N, C-alpha and C. Protein backbone atom coordinates (compact mmCIF):
# COMPACT_ATOMS: atom_id res chain seq x y z
N MET A 1 32.53 -26.12 -60.55
CA MET A 1 32.95 -25.28 -59.43
C MET A 1 31.92 -24.21 -59.11
N THR A 2 31.37 -23.62 -60.18
CA THR A 2 30.35 -22.59 -60.00
C THR A 2 29.13 -23.17 -59.30
N GLN A 3 28.75 -24.40 -59.74
CA GLN A 3 27.59 -25.06 -59.14
C GLN A 3 27.83 -25.35 -57.66
N SER A 4 29.07 -25.77 -57.33
CA SER A 4 29.41 -26.06 -55.93
C SER A 4 29.34 -24.79 -55.08
N LEU A 5 29.84 -23.68 -55.66
CA LEU A 5 29.82 -22.40 -54.95
C LEU A 5 28.38 -21.94 -54.71
N THR A 6 27.54 -22.14 -55.74
CA THR A 6 26.13 -21.75 -55.61
C THR A 6 25.44 -22.58 -54.53
N THR A 7 25.75 -23.89 -54.54
CA THR A 7 25.16 -24.79 -53.54
C THR A 7 25.59 -24.40 -52.14
N ALA A 8 26.85 -24.07 -51.98
CA ALA A 8 27.38 -23.68 -50.67
C ALA A 8 26.71 -22.41 -50.16
N ARG A 9 26.55 -21.46 -51.07
CA ARG A 9 25.90 -20.20 -50.70
C ARG A 9 24.46 -20.45 -50.28
N SER A 10 23.77 -21.34 -51.02
CA SER A 10 22.38 -21.66 -50.71
C SER A 10 22.26 -22.29 -49.33
N LEU A 11 23.17 -23.21 -49.03
CA LEU A 11 23.17 -23.85 -47.72
C LEU A 11 23.46 -22.85 -46.60
N ALA A 12 24.38 -21.92 -46.87
CA ALA A 12 24.71 -20.90 -45.87
C ALA A 12 23.51 -20.02 -45.58
N LYS A 13 22.78 -19.66 -46.62
CA LYS A 13 21.60 -18.82 -46.44
C LYS A 13 20.54 -19.54 -45.61
N LYS A 14 20.38 -20.84 -45.88
CA LYS A 14 19.39 -21.62 -45.15
C LYS A 14 19.76 -21.70 -43.66
N ARG A 15 21.08 -21.93 -43.40
CA ARG A 15 21.54 -21.99 -42.01
C ARG A 15 21.29 -20.67 -41.29
N LEU A 16 21.59 -19.55 -42.00
CA LEU A 16 21.40 -18.22 -41.42
C LEU A 16 19.93 -17.97 -41.10
N ALA A 17 19.06 -18.40 -42.03
CA ALA A 17 17.61 -18.22 -41.81
C ALA A 17 17.16 -19.00 -40.59
N VAL A 18 17.68 -20.23 -40.44
CA VAL A 18 17.32 -21.06 -39.29
C VAL A 18 17.79 -20.42 -37.99
N ILE A 19 19.01 -19.88 -38.01
CA ILE A 19 19.56 -19.24 -36.82
C ILE A 19 18.74 -18.01 -36.42
N VAL A 20 18.42 -17.17 -37.44
CA VAL A 20 17.64 -15.96 -37.18
C VAL A 20 16.27 -16.31 -36.64
N LEU A 21 15.59 -17.27 -37.28
CA LEU A 21 14.26 -17.66 -36.84
C LEU A 21 14.31 -18.27 -35.44
N GLY A 22 15.36 -19.03 -35.20
CA GLY A 22 15.51 -19.62 -33.88
C GLY A 22 15.70 -18.57 -32.81
N GLY A 23 16.50 -17.53 -33.17
CA GLY A 23 16.74 -16.45 -32.21
C GLY A 23 15.46 -15.69 -31.92
N ILE A 24 14.70 -15.40 -32.99
CA ILE A 24 13.43 -14.68 -32.80
C ILE A 24 12.47 -15.49 -31.95
N ALA A 25 12.42 -16.80 -32.24
CA ALA A 25 11.52 -17.67 -31.47
C ALA A 25 11.95 -17.71 -30.01
N GLY A 26 13.28 -17.74 -29.79
CA GLY A 26 13.77 -17.77 -28.42
C GLY A 26 13.40 -16.52 -27.65
N VAL A 27 13.57 -15.37 -28.32
CA VAL A 27 13.21 -14.10 -27.68
C VAL A 27 11.72 -14.06 -27.40
N ALA A 28 10.93 -14.51 -28.38
CA ALA A 28 9.47 -14.50 -28.21
C ALA A 28 9.06 -15.38 -27.04
N ILE A 29 9.68 -16.58 -26.96
CA ILE A 29 9.36 -17.49 -25.86
C ILE A 29 9.77 -16.88 -24.54
N GLY A 30 10.97 -16.22 -24.56
CA GLY A 30 11.45 -15.59 -23.32
C GLY A 30 10.51 -14.49 -22.86
N LEU A 31 10.09 -13.64 -23.81
CA LEU A 31 9.16 -12.56 -23.46
C LEU A 31 7.82 -13.11 -23.00
N ALA A 32 7.37 -14.15 -23.72
CA ALA A 32 6.10 -14.74 -23.32
C ALA A 32 6.20 -15.32 -21.93
N GLY A 33 7.36 -15.91 -21.64
CA GLY A 33 7.55 -16.48 -20.31
C GLY A 33 7.52 -15.40 -19.25
N VAL A 34 8.24 -14.29 -19.50
CA VAL A 34 8.30 -13.20 -18.54
C VAL A 34 6.92 -12.60 -18.34
N TYR A 35 6.28 -12.23 -19.45
CA TYR A 35 4.97 -11.60 -19.34
C TYR A 35 3.92 -12.57 -18.84
N GLY A 36 4.08 -13.84 -19.21
CA GLY A 36 3.15 -14.84 -18.71
C GLY A 36 3.26 -14.97 -17.21
N ILE A 37 4.50 -15.01 -16.70
CA ILE A 37 4.71 -15.11 -15.27
C ILE A 37 4.16 -13.88 -14.56
N ASN A 38 4.44 -12.71 -15.15
CA ASN A 38 3.94 -11.48 -14.53
C ASN A 38 2.43 -11.46 -14.49
N THR A 39 1.81 -11.93 -15.58
CA THR A 39 0.35 -11.96 -15.63
C THR A 39 -0.21 -12.89 -14.58
N ILE A 40 0.43 -14.07 -14.46
CA ILE A 40 -0.01 -15.03 -13.45
C ILE A 40 0.15 -14.45 -12.07
N THR A 41 1.29 -13.76 -11.85
CA THR A 41 1.53 -13.16 -10.55
C THR A 41 0.48 -12.12 -10.23
N ARG A 42 0.17 -11.27 -11.24
CA ARG A 42 -0.83 -10.23 -11.00
C ARG A 42 -2.19 -10.84 -10.71
N ASN A 43 -2.54 -11.86 -11.51
CA ASN A 43 -3.83 -12.49 -11.32
C ASN A 43 -3.91 -13.20 -9.98
N ALA A 44 -2.78 -13.81 -9.57
CA ALA A 44 -2.77 -14.53 -8.31
C ALA A 44 -2.91 -13.58 -7.14
N ALA A 45 -2.44 -12.34 -7.33
CA ALA A 45 -2.46 -11.38 -6.23
C ALA A 45 -3.83 -10.74 -6.04
N VAL A 46 -4.68 -10.86 -7.06
CA VAL A 46 -6.01 -10.26 -6.98
C VAL A 46 -6.92 -11.16 -6.16
N ASP A 47 -7.45 -10.63 -5.06
CA ASP A 47 -8.32 -11.38 -4.18
C ASP A 47 -9.77 -11.06 -4.52
N PRO A 48 -10.59 -12.08 -4.79
CA PRO A 48 -12.00 -11.82 -5.10
C PRO A 48 -12.71 -11.02 -4.02
N ALA A 49 -12.25 -11.18 -2.77
CA ALA A 49 -12.87 -10.44 -1.67
C ALA A 49 -12.64 -8.94 -1.80
N CYS A 50 -11.70 -8.54 -2.67
CA CYS A 50 -11.38 -7.12 -2.84
C CYS A 50 -12.20 -6.46 -3.95
N ALA A 51 -13.09 -7.20 -4.57
CA ALA A 51 -13.91 -6.62 -5.64
C ALA A 51 -14.69 -5.39 -5.16
N PRO A 52 -15.32 -5.43 -3.98
CA PRO A 52 -16.03 -4.22 -3.51
C PRO A 52 -15.08 -3.04 -3.31
N ALA A 53 -13.82 -3.32 -2.95
CA ALA A 53 -12.85 -2.25 -2.72
C ALA A 53 -12.58 -1.48 -4.00
N ALA A 54 -12.62 -2.18 -5.14
CA ALA A 54 -12.40 -1.51 -6.42
C ALA A 54 -13.48 -0.47 -6.67
N GLU A 55 -14.72 -0.80 -6.31
CA GLU A 55 -15.82 0.14 -6.49
C GLU A 55 -15.68 1.33 -5.53
N ILE A 56 -15.25 1.05 -4.29
CA ILE A 56 -15.05 2.13 -3.32
C ILE A 56 -13.94 3.07 -3.80
N ALA A 57 -12.86 2.48 -4.34
CA ALA A 57 -11.74 3.28 -4.83
C ALA A 57 -12.20 4.22 -5.94
N ARG A 58 -13.06 3.70 -6.83
CA ARG A 58 -13.58 4.56 -7.91
C ARG A 58 -14.44 5.68 -7.33
N ARG A 59 -15.16 5.37 -6.26
CA ARG A 59 -16.04 6.36 -5.66
C ARG A 59 -15.26 7.49 -5.00
N ILE A 60 -14.17 7.14 -4.31
CA ILE A 60 -13.44 8.17 -3.57
C ILE A 60 -12.40 8.89 -4.43
N GLY A 61 -12.11 8.34 -5.61
CA GLY A 61 -11.10 8.95 -6.46
C GLY A 61 -11.29 10.44 -6.69
N PRO A 62 -12.50 10.86 -7.10
CA PRO A 62 -12.73 12.30 -7.35
C PRO A 62 -12.62 13.15 -6.09
N LEU A 63 -12.69 12.51 -4.91
CA LEU A 63 -12.62 13.26 -3.65
C LEU A 63 -11.19 13.43 -3.13
N ALA A 64 -10.24 12.84 -3.83
CA ALA A 64 -8.83 13.00 -3.44
C ALA A 64 -8.34 14.35 -3.97
N ARG A 65 -8.68 15.38 -3.26
CA ARG A 65 -8.36 16.74 -3.70
C ARG A 65 -8.18 17.62 -2.48
N GLY A 66 -7.77 18.86 -2.72
CA GLY A 66 -7.58 19.79 -1.61
C GLY A 66 -6.57 19.27 -0.60
N GLU A 67 -6.99 19.15 0.66
CA GLU A 67 -6.08 18.74 1.73
C GLU A 67 -5.68 17.27 1.65
N VAL A 68 -6.39 16.48 0.84
CA VAL A 68 -6.03 15.06 0.68
C VAL A 68 -5.73 14.74 -0.79
N ALA A 69 -5.27 15.75 -1.52
CA ALA A 69 -4.96 15.57 -2.94
C ALA A 69 -3.79 14.61 -3.14
N ALA A 70 -2.99 14.41 -2.08
CA ALA A 70 -1.84 13.52 -2.20
C ALA A 70 -2.21 12.05 -2.14
N LEU A 71 -3.48 11.76 -1.86
CA LEU A 71 -3.90 10.35 -1.80
C LEU A 71 -3.78 9.69 -3.16
N THR A 72 -3.05 8.60 -3.21
CA THR A 72 -2.96 7.79 -4.43
C THR A 72 -3.97 6.66 -4.31
N VAL A 73 -5.03 6.76 -5.09
CA VAL A 73 -6.08 5.74 -5.04
C VAL A 73 -5.55 4.46 -5.66
N ALA A 74 -5.83 3.34 -5.02
CA ALA A 74 -5.33 2.04 -5.48
C ALA A 74 -5.84 1.73 -6.88
N ALA A 75 -4.92 1.41 -7.80
CA ALA A 75 -5.30 1.07 -9.16
C ALA A 75 -5.88 -0.33 -9.23
N THR A 76 -5.38 -1.21 -8.37
CA THR A 76 -5.86 -2.58 -8.29
C THR A 76 -6.19 -2.89 -6.85
N ALA A 77 -7.38 -3.36 -6.60
CA ALA A 77 -7.79 -3.66 -5.23
C ALA A 77 -7.17 -4.97 -4.78
N ARG A 78 -6.32 -4.90 -3.78
CA ARG A 78 -5.71 -6.10 -3.22
C ARG A 78 -5.30 -5.83 -1.79
N ARG A 79 -5.04 -6.88 -1.05
CA ARG A 79 -4.64 -6.72 0.34
C ARG A 79 -3.16 -6.36 0.42
N PRO A 80 -2.79 -5.49 1.36
CA PRO A 80 -1.37 -5.22 1.58
C PRO A 80 -0.72 -6.45 2.19
N PRO A 81 0.61 -6.48 2.28
CA PRO A 81 1.26 -7.65 2.89
C PRO A 81 0.83 -7.83 4.33
N GLU A 82 1.02 -9.02 4.85
CA GLU A 82 0.68 -9.30 6.25
C GLU A 82 1.48 -8.37 7.15
N LEU A 83 0.78 -7.58 7.93
CA LEU A 83 1.42 -6.57 8.77
C LEU A 83 1.16 -6.88 10.23
N THR A 84 2.21 -6.87 11.03
CA THR A 84 2.06 -7.15 12.45
C THR A 84 2.66 -6.02 13.29
N PHE A 85 2.03 -5.77 14.42
CA PHE A 85 2.51 -4.75 15.36
C PHE A 85 1.93 -5.11 16.72
N GLN A 86 2.08 -4.23 17.70
CA GLN A 86 1.62 -4.53 19.06
C GLN A 86 0.66 -3.45 19.56
N ASP A 87 -0.24 -3.86 20.45
CA ASP A 87 -1.10 -2.86 21.07
C ASP A 87 -0.43 -2.31 22.32
N GLY A 88 -1.13 -1.49 23.08
CA GLY A 88 -0.53 -0.87 24.25
C GLY A 88 -0.12 -1.84 25.34
N ASN A 89 -0.66 -3.07 25.29
CA ASN A 89 -0.29 -4.09 26.27
C ASN A 89 0.76 -5.05 25.76
N GLY A 90 1.28 -4.75 24.56
CA GLY A 90 2.32 -5.62 24.00
C GLY A 90 1.79 -6.84 23.28
N GLN A 91 0.46 -6.91 23.07
CA GLN A 91 -0.13 -8.05 22.39
C GLN A 91 -0.04 -7.87 20.87
N LYS A 92 0.24 -8.96 20.18
CA LYS A 92 0.37 -8.92 18.72
C LYS A 92 -0.97 -8.57 18.06
N LYS A 93 -0.89 -7.70 17.08
CA LYS A 93 -2.07 -7.30 16.31
C LYS A 93 -1.76 -7.41 14.82
N THR A 94 -2.77 -7.71 14.04
CA THR A 94 -2.68 -7.68 12.58
C THR A 94 -3.94 -6.99 12.07
N LEU A 95 -3.95 -6.65 10.80
CA LEU A 95 -5.11 -5.95 10.24
C LEU A 95 -6.36 -6.83 10.24
N THR A 96 -6.18 -8.14 10.34
CA THR A 96 -7.35 -9.01 10.39
C THR A 96 -8.17 -8.76 11.66
N ASP A 97 -7.54 -8.18 12.67
CA ASP A 97 -8.27 -7.85 13.90
C ASP A 97 -9.31 -6.75 13.66
N TRP A 98 -9.19 -6.06 12.53
CA TRP A 98 -10.14 -4.99 12.20
C TRP A 98 -11.05 -5.38 11.05
N ARG A 99 -11.08 -6.66 10.72
CA ARG A 99 -11.90 -7.08 9.59
C ARG A 99 -13.36 -6.68 9.82
N GLY A 100 -13.95 -6.09 8.81
CA GLY A 100 -15.31 -5.57 8.94
C GLY A 100 -15.35 -4.08 9.21
N ARG A 101 -14.18 -3.47 9.50
CA ARG A 101 -14.12 -2.03 9.76
C ARG A 101 -13.13 -1.39 8.78
N THR A 102 -13.45 -0.21 8.32
CA THR A 102 -12.51 0.55 7.50
C THR A 102 -11.45 1.12 8.43
N VAL A 103 -10.19 1.04 7.98
CA VAL A 103 -9.06 1.45 8.81
C VAL A 103 -8.20 2.48 8.08
N LEU A 104 -7.79 3.50 8.83
CA LEU A 104 -6.78 4.43 8.33
C LEU A 104 -5.51 4.09 9.11
N LEU A 105 -4.62 3.33 8.47
CA LEU A 105 -3.39 2.89 9.11
C LEU A 105 -2.31 3.96 8.93
N ASN A 106 -1.83 4.50 10.04
CA ASN A 106 -0.86 5.59 9.99
C ASN A 106 0.41 5.18 10.72
N LEU A 107 1.56 5.33 10.05
CA LEU A 107 2.86 5.05 10.66
C LEU A 107 3.51 6.37 11.03
N TRP A 108 3.95 6.48 12.28
CA TRP A 108 4.52 7.74 12.75
C TRP A 108 5.65 7.48 13.74
N ALA A 109 6.41 8.54 14.04
CA ALA A 109 7.48 8.46 15.03
C ALA A 109 7.64 9.82 15.69
N THR A 110 8.14 9.84 16.90
CA THR A 110 8.29 11.11 17.62
C THR A 110 9.37 11.99 16.99
N TRP A 111 10.35 11.38 16.32
CA TRP A 111 11.42 12.18 15.71
C TRP A 111 10.98 12.78 14.37
N CYS A 112 9.79 12.39 13.90
CA CYS A 112 9.25 12.86 12.61
C CYS A 112 8.38 14.09 12.85
N VAL A 113 8.88 15.26 12.48
CA VAL A 113 8.15 16.52 12.72
C VAL A 113 6.79 16.53 12.01
N PRO A 114 6.69 16.15 10.72
CA PRO A 114 5.37 16.15 10.08
C PRO A 114 4.40 15.19 10.76
N CYS A 115 4.92 14.09 11.30
CA CYS A 115 4.06 13.13 12.02
C CYS A 115 3.43 13.80 13.23
N ARG A 116 4.27 14.50 13.98
CA ARG A 116 3.77 15.16 15.19
C ARG A 116 2.75 16.24 14.83
N LYS A 117 3.00 16.94 13.73
CA LYS A 117 2.08 18.02 13.33
C LYS A 117 0.72 17.50 12.91
N GLU A 118 0.66 16.32 12.29
CA GLU A 118 -0.63 15.82 11.82
C GLU A 118 -1.39 15.00 12.87
N MET A 119 -0.74 14.69 13.99
CA MET A 119 -1.39 13.85 15.00
C MET A 119 -2.67 14.46 15.56
N PRO A 120 -2.71 15.77 15.88
CA PRO A 120 -3.97 16.36 16.36
C PRO A 120 -5.11 16.24 15.34
N ALA A 121 -4.78 16.31 14.05
CA ALA A 121 -5.80 16.17 13.02
C ALA A 121 -6.32 14.74 12.97
N LEU A 122 -5.44 13.77 13.13
CA LEU A 122 -5.87 12.38 13.20
C LEU A 122 -6.78 12.16 14.41
N GLU A 123 -6.40 12.79 15.52
CA GLU A 123 -7.21 12.71 16.73
C GLU A 123 -8.61 13.26 16.47
N ALA A 124 -8.69 14.40 15.79
CA ALA A 124 -9.98 15.03 15.50
C ALA A 124 -10.82 14.18 14.56
N LEU A 125 -10.18 13.56 13.57
CA LEU A 125 -10.91 12.70 12.63
C LEU A 125 -11.46 11.47 13.35
N GLN A 126 -10.65 10.90 14.24
CA GLN A 126 -11.11 9.74 15.00
C GLN A 126 -12.31 10.12 15.88
N GLU A 127 -12.24 11.29 16.48
CA GLU A 127 -13.33 11.74 17.35
C GLU A 127 -14.61 11.95 16.56
N LYS A 128 -14.47 12.42 15.30
CA LYS A 128 -15.65 12.72 14.49
C LYS A 128 -16.25 11.48 13.84
N LEU A 129 -15.40 10.61 13.27
CA LEU A 129 -15.92 9.48 12.48
C LEU A 129 -15.64 8.11 13.10
N GLY A 130 -14.80 8.07 14.12
CA GLY A 130 -14.46 6.79 14.72
C GLY A 130 -15.66 6.09 15.33
N GLY A 131 -15.68 4.75 15.23
CA GLY A 131 -16.80 4.00 15.76
C GLY A 131 -16.75 2.57 15.26
N PRO A 132 -17.88 1.88 15.26
CA PRO A 132 -17.91 0.47 14.86
C PRO A 132 -17.48 0.23 13.41
N ASN A 133 -17.58 1.26 12.56
CA ASN A 133 -17.26 1.07 11.14
C ASN A 133 -15.92 1.66 10.73
N PHE A 134 -15.29 2.43 11.61
CA PHE A 134 -14.05 3.11 11.21
C PHE A 134 -13.16 3.35 12.42
N GLU A 135 -11.85 3.14 12.21
CA GLU A 135 -10.88 3.46 13.25
C GLU A 135 -9.55 3.88 12.63
N ILE A 136 -8.93 4.86 13.25
CA ILE A 136 -7.57 5.23 12.88
C ILE A 136 -6.62 4.39 13.73
N VAL A 137 -5.78 3.64 13.06
CA VAL A 137 -4.80 2.79 13.74
C VAL A 137 -3.43 3.44 13.53
N ALA A 138 -3.02 4.24 14.50
CA ALA A 138 -1.74 4.97 14.41
C ALA A 138 -0.67 4.14 15.10
N VAL A 139 0.30 3.67 14.32
CA VAL A 139 1.34 2.79 14.84
C VAL A 139 2.65 3.55 14.98
N ASN A 140 3.12 3.66 16.19
CA ASN A 140 4.39 4.34 16.44
C ASN A 140 5.55 3.42 16.05
N THR A 141 6.56 3.99 15.38
CA THR A 141 7.68 3.18 14.90
C THR A 141 9.02 3.57 15.55
N ASP A 142 8.98 4.28 16.69
CA ASP A 142 10.22 4.58 17.41
C ASP A 142 10.90 3.27 17.79
N THR A 143 12.20 3.18 17.58
CA THR A 143 12.91 1.94 17.85
C THR A 143 13.66 1.96 19.18
N ARG A 144 13.62 3.09 19.88
CA ARG A 144 14.31 3.17 21.17
C ARG A 144 13.29 3.30 22.29
N ASP A 145 13.56 4.16 23.24
CA ASP A 145 12.75 4.32 24.45
C ASP A 145 11.24 4.16 24.18
N PRO A 146 10.62 3.03 24.58
CA PRO A 146 9.21 2.79 24.29
C PRO A 146 8.26 3.70 25.06
N GLU A 147 8.77 4.33 26.11
CA GLU A 147 7.92 5.21 26.90
C GLU A 147 7.85 6.62 26.32
N LYS A 148 8.80 6.97 25.46
CA LYS A 148 8.84 8.32 24.91
C LYS A 148 7.60 8.66 24.10
N PRO A 149 7.16 7.82 23.15
CA PRO A 149 5.96 8.17 22.38
C PRO A 149 4.70 8.24 23.24
N LYS A 150 4.61 7.36 24.23
CA LYS A 150 3.45 7.39 25.13
C LYS A 150 3.41 8.71 25.90
N ALA A 151 4.58 9.12 26.38
CA ALA A 151 4.67 10.38 27.13
C ALA A 151 4.33 11.57 26.24
N TRP A 152 4.79 11.53 24.99
CA TRP A 152 4.53 12.63 24.07
C TRP A 152 3.03 12.74 23.77
N LEU A 153 2.37 11.61 23.53
CA LEU A 153 0.94 11.62 23.26
C LEU A 153 0.16 12.20 24.44
N LYS A 154 0.57 11.82 25.62
CA LYS A 154 -0.09 12.34 26.82
C LYS A 154 0.14 13.83 26.96
N GLU A 155 1.37 14.25 26.65
CA GLU A 155 1.74 15.67 26.77
C GLU A 155 0.91 16.56 25.85
N VAL A 156 0.64 16.09 24.62
CA VAL A 156 -0.09 16.92 23.66
C VAL A 156 -1.60 16.66 23.71
N GLY A 157 -2.04 15.78 24.59
CA GLY A 157 -3.46 15.57 24.77
C GLY A 157 -4.14 14.66 23.77
N ILE A 158 -3.40 13.69 23.23
CA ILE A 158 -4.01 12.73 22.30
C ILE A 158 -4.64 11.61 23.12
N THR A 159 -5.97 11.58 23.13
CA THR A 159 -6.68 10.60 23.97
C THR A 159 -7.63 9.70 23.18
N GLN A 160 -7.98 10.11 21.95
CA GLN A 160 -8.95 9.35 21.16
C GLN A 160 -8.32 8.19 20.40
N LEU A 161 -7.01 8.27 20.19
CA LEU A 161 -6.32 7.24 19.41
C LEU A 161 -5.74 6.17 20.33
N ALA A 162 -6.09 4.91 20.07
CA ALA A 162 -5.50 3.81 20.82
C ALA A 162 -4.01 3.72 20.47
N TYR A 163 -3.20 3.23 21.42
CA TYR A 163 -1.75 3.19 21.18
C TYR A 163 -1.34 1.86 20.58
N TYR A 164 -0.60 1.96 19.45
CA TYR A 164 -0.03 0.78 18.79
C TYR A 164 1.42 1.10 18.45
N SER A 165 2.25 0.08 18.41
CA SER A 165 3.67 0.32 18.16
C SER A 165 4.34 -0.85 17.44
N ASP A 166 5.46 -0.54 16.82
CA ASP A 166 6.33 -1.56 16.22
C ASP A 166 7.76 -1.09 16.37
N ALA A 167 8.38 -1.47 17.50
CA ALA A 167 9.75 -1.04 17.78
C ALA A 167 10.77 -1.77 16.93
N SER A 168 10.36 -2.83 16.24
CA SER A 168 11.31 -3.60 15.41
C SER A 168 11.59 -2.92 14.08
N GLY A 169 10.68 -2.05 13.64
CA GLY A 169 10.84 -1.40 12.34
C GLY A 169 10.39 -2.28 11.18
N LYS A 170 9.93 -3.49 11.48
CA LYS A 170 9.57 -4.43 10.41
C LYS A 170 8.33 -3.97 9.64
N LEU A 171 7.38 -3.36 10.34
CA LEU A 171 6.16 -2.90 9.68
C LEU A 171 6.49 -1.93 8.55
N PHE A 172 7.33 -0.95 8.85
CA PHE A 172 7.70 0.02 7.83
C PHE A 172 8.46 -0.66 6.69
N GLN A 173 9.39 -1.56 7.03
CA GLN A 173 10.18 -2.25 6.00
C GLN A 173 9.30 -3.10 5.09
N ASP A 174 8.30 -3.77 5.66
CA ASP A 174 7.40 -4.59 4.85
C ASP A 174 6.62 -3.72 3.87
N LEU A 175 6.18 -2.55 4.33
CA LEU A 175 5.45 -1.65 3.44
C LEU A 175 6.39 -1.02 2.41
N LYS A 176 7.62 -0.78 2.81
CA LYS A 176 8.61 -0.23 1.87
C LYS A 176 8.89 -1.22 0.75
N ILE A 177 9.08 -2.48 1.10
CA ILE A 177 9.32 -3.53 0.10
C ILE A 177 8.14 -3.64 -0.85
N ALA A 178 6.94 -3.46 -0.31
CA ALA A 178 5.73 -3.53 -1.14
C ALA A 178 5.50 -2.26 -1.95
N GLY A 179 6.39 -1.26 -1.79
CA GLY A 179 6.26 -0.01 -2.53
C GLY A 179 5.22 0.92 -1.96
N LYS A 180 4.87 0.73 -0.69
CA LYS A 180 3.83 1.54 -0.06
C LYS A 180 4.37 2.56 0.92
N ALA A 181 5.67 2.55 1.19
CA ALA A 181 6.23 3.47 2.18
C ALA A 181 7.58 3.99 1.70
N LEU A 182 7.71 5.30 1.66
CA LEU A 182 8.97 5.94 1.30
C LEU A 182 9.59 6.63 2.50
N GLY A 183 8.77 7.02 3.44
CA GLY A 183 9.23 7.73 4.62
C GLY A 183 8.06 7.88 5.58
N LEU A 184 8.23 8.69 6.59
CA LEU A 184 7.17 8.92 7.57
C LEU A 184 6.68 10.37 7.49
N PRO A 185 5.38 10.58 7.72
CA PRO A 185 4.36 9.56 7.95
C PRO A 185 3.94 8.86 6.66
N THR A 186 3.45 7.65 6.81
CA THR A 186 2.84 6.89 5.72
C THR A 186 1.46 6.47 6.17
N THR A 187 0.48 6.64 5.32
CA THR A 187 -0.90 6.32 5.70
C THR A 187 -1.57 5.49 4.62
N LEU A 188 -2.24 4.42 5.03
CA LEU A 188 -2.99 3.57 4.12
C LEU A 188 -4.46 3.56 4.53
N LEU A 189 -5.34 3.69 3.55
CA LEU A 189 -6.77 3.56 3.78
C LEU A 189 -7.16 2.16 3.33
N ILE A 190 -7.74 1.38 4.25
CA ILE A 190 -8.02 -0.03 4.01
C ILE A 190 -9.48 -0.32 4.33
N ASP A 191 -10.15 -1.05 3.45
CA ASP A 191 -11.57 -1.30 3.66
C ASP A 191 -11.81 -2.45 4.63
N GLY A 192 -13.08 -2.77 4.88
CA GLY A 192 -13.42 -3.78 5.86
C GLY A 192 -13.00 -5.18 5.51
N ALA A 193 -12.68 -5.42 4.24
CA ALA A 193 -12.20 -6.74 3.82
C ALA A 193 -10.68 -6.81 3.89
N GLY A 194 -10.06 -5.73 4.36
CA GLY A 194 -8.61 -5.70 4.45
C GLY A 194 -7.93 -5.34 3.15
N CYS A 195 -8.67 -4.73 2.23
CA CYS A 195 -8.13 -4.39 0.91
C CYS A 195 -7.77 -2.91 0.83
N GLU A 196 -6.68 -2.63 0.16
CA GLU A 196 -6.18 -1.26 0.07
C GLU A 196 -7.06 -0.39 -0.83
N LEU A 197 -7.38 0.79 -0.32
CA LEU A 197 -8.14 1.76 -1.10
C LEU A 197 -7.24 2.88 -1.61
N GLY A 198 -6.22 3.23 -0.83
CA GLY A 198 -5.32 4.30 -1.24
C GLY A 198 -4.22 4.52 -0.22
N THR A 199 -3.21 5.28 -0.61
CA THR A 199 -2.08 5.57 0.27
C THR A 199 -1.70 7.04 0.15
N ILE A 200 -1.13 7.54 1.23
CA ILE A 200 -0.57 8.90 1.23
C ILE A 200 0.84 8.83 1.79
N ALA A 201 1.78 9.35 1.03
CA ALA A 201 3.16 9.47 1.50
C ALA A 201 3.34 10.89 1.99
N GLY A 202 3.48 11.06 3.31
CA GLY A 202 3.59 12.39 3.87
C GLY A 202 2.35 12.75 4.66
N PRO A 203 2.36 13.93 5.27
CA PRO A 203 1.24 14.34 6.13
C PRO A 203 0.04 14.83 5.34
N ALA A 204 -1.09 14.86 6.02
CA ALA A 204 -2.31 15.42 5.43
C ALA A 204 -3.11 16.08 6.54
N GLU A 205 -3.98 16.99 6.17
CA GLU A 205 -4.84 17.64 7.15
C GLU A 205 -6.10 16.80 7.31
N TRP A 206 -6.01 15.80 8.20
CA TRP A 206 -7.07 14.81 8.32
C TRP A 206 -8.35 15.36 8.97
N ALA A 207 -8.29 16.48 9.59
CA ALA A 207 -9.49 17.07 10.20
C ALA A 207 -10.21 18.00 9.23
N SER A 208 -9.69 18.14 8.02
CA SER A 208 -10.28 19.06 7.05
C SER A 208 -11.57 18.51 6.47
N GLU A 209 -12.34 19.40 5.87
CA GLU A 209 -13.59 19.00 5.21
C GLU A 209 -13.31 18.02 4.08
N ASP A 210 -12.21 18.23 3.35
CA ASP A 210 -11.85 17.34 2.26
C ASP A 210 -11.64 15.92 2.76
N ALA A 211 -10.90 15.79 3.86
CA ALA A 211 -10.60 14.46 4.41
C ALA A 211 -11.87 13.79 4.93
N ILE A 212 -12.68 14.55 5.62
CA ILE A 212 -13.92 13.99 6.19
C ILE A 212 -14.85 13.50 5.08
N LYS A 213 -14.97 14.25 4.00
CA LYS A 213 -15.81 13.82 2.88
C LYS A 213 -15.26 12.55 2.24
N LEU A 214 -13.95 12.46 2.11
CA LEU A 214 -13.35 11.28 1.49
C LEU A 214 -13.57 10.04 2.35
N ILE A 215 -13.31 10.16 3.65
CA ILE A 215 -13.49 9.01 4.53
C ILE A 215 -14.97 8.63 4.62
N ALA A 216 -15.84 9.61 4.69
CA ALA A 216 -17.28 9.33 4.75
C ALA A 216 -17.75 8.59 3.50
N ALA A 217 -17.20 8.95 2.34
CA ALA A 217 -17.55 8.27 1.10
C ALA A 217 -17.05 6.84 1.11
N ALA A 218 -15.89 6.61 1.68
CA ALA A 218 -15.34 5.26 1.78
C ALA A 218 -16.18 4.37 2.69
N LEU A 219 -16.90 4.99 3.62
CA LEU A 219 -17.71 4.22 4.58
C LEU A 219 -19.10 3.92 4.07
N GLN A 220 -19.50 4.56 2.98
CA GLN A 220 -20.84 4.34 2.44
C GLN A 220 -21.00 2.90 1.96
N LYS A 221 -22.13 2.33 2.28
CA LYS A 221 -22.42 0.95 1.85
C LYS A 221 -23.11 0.94 0.48
């Protein structure tokens, strides 16, 4: 009887060891699967064309200070999601239309007080640095009266910025889903390959010396 009891206990211990090892292996496989998938996803999202953007991001990082200290420099150079909006004639536009030019993509609305306050500074920055290599693409996101933002821009004398709009609200939602937009204004700095260099949530003094130095550094070849 003692021998039978000993044998039973031995078998029970072996079964327990198998169960424990199986559980550990299952957890390990599960974690490996999760982290493996995440790694694949991260690697798949990295575009080789964005390699130069990583160097630009490192260059402008130390310049994100003062009036543009809120700029979050991109940790990984990659393209933002496909973004669509319309120009002043209602024609569809995407960021690929600016390929080869650095873009400061700004989302704004007339009901957004900080947006209205920073618009003259964006106008001044466009006047100073705008050209074949750089453009501020300010996209209005008002979802109602489409003539209201146009009238407001004319009223305050904004003439250097081309008019772009997205009355559907999809542009903001796409950036929100991507973790790039929390509210308005939202601004993204994007290089000529369409790769993200940095983002700012909220307004900035874009006509300041700090902003001009940062954008000028981003334009350096």
